[in-house]
């Protein structure tokens, strides 16, 4: 049997990303790994509900923003408080695209990764 475990985003400023994910999506650190020489740090975030984790990878020597290409990929979250979460993201100024016809929108994290917000189905 195979199961999803985690997905990775490489980040330039780990503290800024951790702050964003805590405020925007209520994600919390569930485990960390740091290289003995300090050259990288892996921080795994969880939602407290599922076993799926988002791995943030920080590389000490990385100074240039990551090239995300055309950003034709995304991570998606479902919520039972769509209006409340949308209002939070609007206040944060992180909504980058809305599709009212489909009833979804996207936010962008500090490194430009897109995250889709989907309402829970009734």
N, C-alpha and C. Protein backbone atom coordinates (compact mmCIF):
# COMPACT_ATOMS: atom_id res chain seq x y z
N UNK A 1 0.85 -1.18 0.00
CA UNK A 1 0.00 0.00 0.00
C UNK A 1 0.89 1.24 0.00
N UNK A 2 0.47 2.24 -0.73
CA UNK A 2 1.15 3.54 -0.75
C UNK A 2 0.22 4.59 -0.18
N UNK A 3 0.78 5.53 0.55
CA UNK A 3 0.01 6.65 1.10
C UNK A 3 0.80 7.93 0.90
N UNK A 4 0.08 9.04 0.71
CA UNK A 4 0.75 10.33 0.66
C UNK A 4 1.40 10.59 2.01
N UNK A 5 2.56 11.21 1.99
CA UNK A 5 3.27 11.53 3.22
C UNK A 5 3.50 13.03 3.36
N UNK A 6 4.19 13.62 2.37
CA UNK A 6 4.44 15.06 2.45
C UNK A 6 4.71 15.63 1.07
N UNK A 7 4.69 16.95 1.01
CA UNK A 7 5.01 17.70 -0.20
C UNK A 7 6.02 18.76 0.21
N UNK A 8 6.93 19.10 -0.69
CA UNK A 8 8.02 20.02 -0.36
C UNK A 8 7.91 21.34 -1.09
N UNK A 9 8.18 22.43 -0.37
CA UNK A 9 8.42 23.75 -0.93
C UNK A 9 9.78 24.20 -0.43
N UNK A 10 10.65 24.65 -1.33
CA UNK A 10 11.93 25.25 -0.93
C UNK A 10 11.67 26.72 -0.63
N UNK A 11 12.19 27.20 0.49
CA UNK A 11 11.92 28.57 0.92
C UNK A 11 13.22 29.34 1.13
N UNK A 12 13.16 30.63 0.87
CA UNK A 12 14.33 31.48 1.00
C UNK A 12 14.49 32.01 2.42
N UNK A 13 13.39 32.37 3.05
CA UNK A 13 13.40 32.93 4.40
C UNK A 13 12.50 32.05 5.27
N UNK A 14 13.10 31.14 6.01
CA UNK A 14 12.33 30.15 6.77
C UNK A 14 11.42 30.81 7.82
N UNK A 15 11.92 31.78 8.54
CA UNK A 15 11.10 32.44 9.58
C UNK A 15 9.87 33.10 8.96
N UNK A 16 10.06 33.78 7.83
CA UNK A 16 8.94 34.44 7.17
C UNK A 16 7.92 33.41 6.69
N UNK A 17 8.40 32.29 6.14
CA UNK A 17 7.50 31.25 5.66
C UNK A 17 6.73 30.60 6.81
N UNK A 18 7.43 30.30 7.91
CA UNK A 18 6.75 29.71 9.07
C UNK A 18 5.67 30.64 9.60
N UNK A 19 5.94 31.93 9.65
CA UNK A 19 4.96 32.92 10.10
C UNK A 19 3.76 32.93 9.16
N UNK A 20 4.02 32.94 7.86
CA UNK A 20 2.94 32.94 6.87
C UNK A 20 2.05 31.71 7.02
N UNK A 21 2.64 30.53 7.06
CA UNK A 21 1.83 29.30 7.12
C UNK A 21 1.05 29.17 8.43
N UNK A 22 1.60 29.70 9.50
CA UNK A 22 0.87 29.70 10.77
C UNK A 22 -0.33 30.65 10.68
N UNK A 23 -0.11 31.84 10.17
CA UNK A 23 -1.18 32.84 10.10
C UNK A 23 -2.21 32.55 9.02
N UNK A 24 -1.76 32.13 7.85
CA UNK A 24 -2.67 31.95 6.72
C UNK A 24 -3.43 30.63 6.76
N UNK A 25 -2.77 29.57 7.25
CA UNK A 25 -3.38 28.24 7.14
C UNK A 25 -3.40 27.45 8.44
N UNK A 26 -3.02 28.10 9.55
CA UNK A 26 -3.02 27.46 10.87
C UNK A 26 -2.15 26.20 10.93
N UNK A 27 -1.11 26.14 10.11
CA UNK A 27 -0.22 24.99 10.13
C UNK A 27 0.79 25.13 11.26
N UNK A 28 1.13 24.00 11.86
CA UNK A 28 2.06 23.99 12.99
C UNK A 28 3.22 23.04 12.70
N UNK A 29 4.37 23.36 13.28
CA UNK A 29 5.55 22.51 13.12
C UNK A 29 5.30 21.18 13.82
N UNK A 30 5.52 20.08 13.09
CA UNK A 30 5.35 18.75 13.69
C UNK A 30 6.68 18.02 13.84
N UNK A 31 7.67 18.38 13.04
CA UNK A 31 9.01 17.84 13.23
C UNK A 31 10.00 18.66 12.42
N UNK A 32 11.28 18.55 12.80
CA UNK A 32 12.34 19.30 12.14
C UNK A 32 13.59 18.44 12.02
N UNK A 33 14.39 18.78 11.04
CA UNK A 33 15.69 18.15 10.90
C UNK A 33 16.67 19.22 10.43
N UNK A 34 17.82 19.28 11.08
CA UNK A 34 18.83 20.26 10.70
C UNK A 34 20.14 19.53 10.44
N UNK A 35 20.84 19.93 9.37
CA UNK A 35 22.14 19.34 9.06
C UNK A 35 23.11 19.68 10.18
N UNK A 36 23.99 18.74 10.49
CA UNK A 36 24.98 18.96 11.55
C UNK A 36 25.82 20.21 11.29
N UNK A 37 26.07 20.50 10.03
CA UNK A 37 26.88 21.68 9.70
C UNK A 37 26.03 22.93 9.48
N UNK A 38 24.72 22.84 9.67
CA UNK A 38 23.83 23.99 9.52
C UNK A 38 23.54 24.38 8.08
N UNK A 39 23.90 23.53 7.14
CA UNK A 39 23.74 23.89 5.72
C UNK A 39 22.30 23.81 5.22
N UNK A 40 21.46 23.07 5.92
CA UNK A 40 20.05 23.02 5.54
C UNK A 40 19.21 22.73 6.77
N UNK A 41 17.93 23.05 6.63
CA UNK A 41 16.96 22.77 7.68
C UNK A 41 15.66 22.35 7.01
N UNK A 42 15.09 21.27 7.49
CA UNK A 42 13.80 20.79 7.02
C UNK A 42 12.80 20.97 8.15
N UNK A 43 11.69 21.61 7.85
CA UNK A 43 10.64 21.81 8.85
C UNK A 43 9.34 21.29 8.24
N UNK A 44 8.72 20.36 8.94
CA UNK A 44 7.48 19.73 8.48
C UNK A 44 6.31 20.36 9.22
N UNK A 45 5.31 20.79 8.45
CA UNK A 45 4.12 21.43 9.02
C UNK A 45 2.93 20.50 8.85
N UNK A 46 2.05 20.51 9.84
CA UNK A 46 0.85 19.70 9.79
C UNK A 46 -0.38 20.51 10.12
N UNK A 47 -1.54 19.98 9.73
CA UNK A 47 -2.81 20.67 9.98
C UNK A 47 -3.50 20.19 11.26
N UNK A 48 -2.95 19.19 11.91
CA UNK A 48 -3.55 18.67 13.14
C UNK A 48 -4.74 17.77 12.91
N UNK A 49 -5.13 17.58 11.66
CA UNK A 49 -6.30 16.76 11.34
C UNK A 49 -5.93 15.53 10.51
N UNK A 50 -5.01 15.72 9.58
CA UNK A 50 -4.61 14.62 8.69
C UNK A 50 -3.14 14.31 8.94
N UNK A 51 -2.64 13.27 8.34
CA UNK A 51 -1.23 12.93 8.47
C UNK A 51 -0.35 13.60 7.42
N UNK A 52 -0.98 14.27 6.46
CA UNK A 52 -0.24 14.92 5.39
C UNK A 52 0.58 16.09 5.94
N UNK A 53 1.79 16.25 5.44
CA UNK A 53 2.67 17.32 5.92
C UNK A 53 3.24 18.13 4.75
N UNK A 54 3.49 19.39 5.02
CA UNK A 54 4.18 20.26 4.08
C UNK A 54 5.59 20.43 4.61
N UNK A 55 6.57 20.02 3.81
CA UNK A 55 7.97 20.15 4.18
C UNK A 55 8.50 21.46 3.61
N UNK A 56 9.03 22.30 4.48
CA UNK A 56 9.72 23.51 4.04
C UNK A 56 11.21 23.23 4.13
N UNK A 57 11.91 23.41 3.02
CA UNK A 57 13.35 23.19 2.97
C UNK A 57 14.06 24.53 2.85
N UNK A 58 14.94 24.80 3.79
CA UNK A 58 15.75 26.02 3.79
C UNK A 58 17.21 25.62 3.61
N UNK A 59 17.85 26.27 2.65
CA UNK A 59 19.27 26.03 2.38
C UNK A 59 20.07 27.28 2.76
N UNK A 60 21.01 27.13 3.68
CA UNK A 60 21.78 28.25 4.21
C UNK A 60 22.43 29.09 3.11
N UNK A 61 23.00 28.46 2.10
CA UNK A 61 23.76 29.18 1.09
C UNK A 61 22.91 29.72 -0.05
N UNK A 62 21.63 29.48 -0.03
CA UNK A 62 20.74 29.97 -1.09
C UNK A 62 20.42 31.44 -0.87
N UNK A 63 20.69 32.26 -1.87
CA UNK A 63 20.41 33.70 -1.76
C UNK A 63 19.46 34.20 -2.83
N UNK A 64 19.29 33.43 -3.90
CA UNK A 64 18.42 33.83 -5.00
C UNK A 64 17.04 33.20 -4.86
N UNK A 65 15.98 33.94 -5.21
CA UNK A 65 14.65 33.34 -5.19
C UNK A 65 14.59 32.13 -6.11
N UNK A 66 13.73 31.18 -5.77
CA UNK A 66 13.57 29.98 -6.57
C UNK A 66 12.78 30.30 -7.83
N UNK A 67 13.15 29.67 -8.94
CA UNK A 67 12.44 29.82 -10.19
C UNK A 67 11.30 28.81 -10.19
N UNK A 68 10.09 29.30 -10.11
CA UNK A 68 8.92 28.42 -10.05
C UNK A 68 8.30 28.19 -11.42
N UNK A 69 9.02 28.60 -12.46
CA UNK A 69 8.50 28.41 -13.81
C UNK A 69 7.22 29.20 -13.99
N UNK A 70 6.25 28.59 -14.57
CA UNK A 70 4.97 29.26 -14.80
C UNK A 70 3.98 28.99 -13.68
N UNK A 71 4.46 28.41 -12.60
CA UNK A 71 3.62 28.15 -11.42
C UNK A 71 2.40 27.31 -11.77
N UNK A 72 2.60 26.32 -12.63
CA UNK A 72 1.50 25.46 -13.06
C UNK A 72 1.34 24.26 -12.13
N UNK A 73 1.54 24.50 -10.85
CA UNK A 73 1.33 23.47 -9.84
C UNK A 73 0.85 24.20 -8.59
N UNK A 74 0.21 23.48 -7.72
CA UNK A 74 -0.26 24.11 -6.48
C UNK A 74 -0.61 23.03 -5.45
N UNK A 75 -0.72 23.48 -4.23
CA UNK A 75 -1.18 22.67 -3.12
C UNK A 75 -2.60 23.16 -2.83
N UNK A 76 -3.50 22.28 -2.44
CA UNK A 76 -4.89 22.68 -2.19
C UNK A 76 -5.31 22.34 -0.77
N UNK A 77 -6.10 23.23 -0.19
CA UNK A 77 -6.69 23.04 1.13
C UNK A 77 -8.20 23.17 1.00
N UNK A 78 -8.93 22.37 1.76
CA UNK A 78 -10.38 22.46 1.82
C UNK A 78 -10.76 23.02 3.18
N UNK A 79 -11.80 23.85 3.21
CA UNK A 79 -12.22 24.45 4.47
C UNK A 79 -13.73 24.45 4.60
N UNK A 80 -14.20 24.31 5.83
CA UNK A 80 -15.63 24.42 6.11
C UNK A 80 -15.99 25.85 6.53
N UNK A 81 -15.02 26.76 6.49
CA UNK A 81 -15.25 28.18 6.80
C UNK A 81 -14.68 29.04 5.67
N UNK A 82 -15.18 28.79 4.46
CA UNK A 82 -14.66 29.45 3.27
C UNK A 82 -14.70 30.98 3.38
N UNK A 83 -15.82 31.52 3.80
CA UNK A 83 -15.94 32.98 3.89
C UNK A 83 -14.98 33.56 4.92
N UNK A 84 -14.86 32.91 6.06
CA UNK A 84 -13.96 33.39 7.11
C UNK A 84 -12.50 33.32 6.70
N UNK A 85 -12.12 32.22 6.06
CA UNK A 85 -10.73 32.06 5.60
C UNK A 85 -10.45 33.06 4.48
N UNK A 86 -11.42 33.25 3.58
CA UNK A 86 -11.25 34.23 2.50
C UNK A 86 -11.04 35.63 3.09
N UNK A 87 -11.82 35.99 4.08
CA UNK A 87 -11.66 37.31 4.71
C UNK A 87 -10.28 37.44 5.35
N UNK A 88 -9.81 36.39 6.01
CA UNK A 88 -8.47 36.41 6.61
C UNK A 88 -7.41 36.65 5.54
N UNK A 89 -7.51 35.91 4.43
CA UNK A 89 -6.52 36.04 3.37
C UNK A 89 -6.59 37.40 2.69
N UNK A 90 -7.80 37.94 2.57
CA UNK A 90 -7.95 39.29 2.01
C UNK A 90 -7.25 40.32 2.90
N UNK A 91 -7.43 40.18 4.22
CA UNK A 91 -6.75 41.10 5.16
C UNK A 91 -5.24 40.96 5.06
N UNK A 92 -4.76 39.75 4.85
CA UNK A 92 -3.32 39.50 4.73
C UNK A 92 -2.76 39.97 3.39
N UNK A 93 -3.64 40.17 2.41
CA UNK A 93 -3.20 40.62 1.09
C UNK A 93 -2.50 39.54 0.28
N UNK A 94 -2.82 38.27 0.56
CA UNK A 94 -2.11 37.18 -0.12
C UNK A 94 -2.93 36.49 -1.20
N UNK A 95 -4.17 36.96 -1.46
CA UNK A 95 -4.97 36.36 -2.53
C UNK A 95 -4.37 36.81 -3.86
N UNK A 96 -4.04 35.83 -4.70
CA UNK A 96 -3.42 36.17 -5.99
C UNK A 96 -4.34 35.89 -7.17
N UNK A 97 -5.37 35.07 -6.97
CA UNK A 97 -6.28 34.76 -8.06
C UNK A 97 -7.59 34.25 -7.48
N UNK A 98 -8.70 34.74 -8.04
CA UNK A 98 -10.02 34.25 -7.63
C UNK A 98 -10.79 33.78 -8.84
N UNK A 99 -11.53 32.69 -8.67
CA UNK A 99 -12.39 32.17 -9.71
C UNK A 99 -13.79 31.98 -9.11
N UNK A 100 -14.58 33.07 -9.06
CA UNK A 100 -15.91 32.97 -8.46
C UNK A 100 -16.82 31.95 -9.14
N UNK A 101 -16.66 31.75 -10.44
CA UNK A 101 -17.50 30.79 -11.16
C UNK A 101 -17.27 29.37 -10.63
N UNK A 102 -16.03 29.07 -10.26
CA UNK A 102 -15.72 27.75 -9.70
C UNK A 102 -15.83 27.73 -8.18
N UNK A 103 -15.95 28.91 -7.56
CA UNK A 103 -16.06 28.99 -6.10
C UNK A 103 -14.76 28.70 -5.38
N UNK A 104 -13.63 29.06 -5.99
CA UNK A 104 -12.31 28.81 -5.40
C UNK A 104 -11.46 30.07 -5.52
N UNK A 105 -10.35 30.09 -4.80
CA UNK A 105 -9.36 31.14 -4.98
C UNK A 105 -8.00 30.59 -4.59
N UNK A 106 -6.98 31.37 -4.92
CA UNK A 106 -5.60 30.98 -4.63
C UNK A 106 -4.92 32.07 -3.82
N UNK A 107 -4.05 31.65 -2.91
CA UNK A 107 -3.17 32.58 -2.21
C UNK A 107 -1.74 32.26 -2.65
N UNK A 108 -0.87 33.23 -2.43
CA UNK A 108 0.54 33.05 -2.78
C UNK A 108 1.37 33.20 -1.52
N UNK A 109 2.29 32.26 -1.30
CA UNK A 109 3.15 32.33 -0.12
C UNK A 109 4.32 33.28 -0.38
N UNK A 110 5.19 33.53 0.61
CA UNK A 110 6.28 34.48 0.43
C UNK A 110 7.25 34.13 -0.70
N UNK A 111 7.31 32.87 -1.12
CA UNK A 111 8.20 32.48 -2.20
C UNK A 111 7.50 32.36 -3.54
N UNK A 112 6.20 32.67 -3.57
CA UNK A 112 5.45 32.64 -4.82
C UNK A 112 4.72 31.35 -5.12
N UNK A 113 4.74 30.39 -4.19
CA UNK A 113 3.98 29.15 -4.39
C UNK A 113 2.49 29.46 -4.26
N UNK A 114 1.69 28.88 -5.14
CA UNK A 114 0.24 29.08 -5.09
C UNK A 114 -0.41 27.97 -4.28
N UNK A 115 -1.41 28.37 -3.50
CA UNK A 115 -2.17 27.45 -2.65
C UNK A 115 -3.65 27.69 -2.92
N UNK A 116 -4.34 26.64 -3.32
CA UNK A 116 -5.76 26.74 -3.65
C UNK A 116 -6.60 26.54 -2.39
N UNK A 117 -7.63 27.36 -2.28
CA UNK A 117 -8.58 27.23 -1.16
C UNK A 117 -9.94 26.82 -1.77
N UNK A 118 -10.43 25.68 -1.28
CA UNK A 118 -11.65 25.08 -1.82
C UNK A 118 -12.65 24.94 -0.68
N UNK A 119 -13.92 25.31 -0.94
CA UNK A 119 -14.92 25.10 0.12
C UNK A 119 -15.27 23.63 0.25
N UNK A 120 -15.57 23.23 1.49
CA UNK A 120 -16.02 21.86 1.72
C UNK A 120 -17.35 21.66 1.02
N UNK A 121 -17.56 20.47 0.51
CA UNK A 121 -18.83 20.15 -0.16
C UNK A 121 -19.86 19.80 0.91
N UNK A 122 -21.07 20.22 0.65
CA UNK A 122 -22.17 19.92 1.59
C UNK A 122 -22.56 18.48 1.53
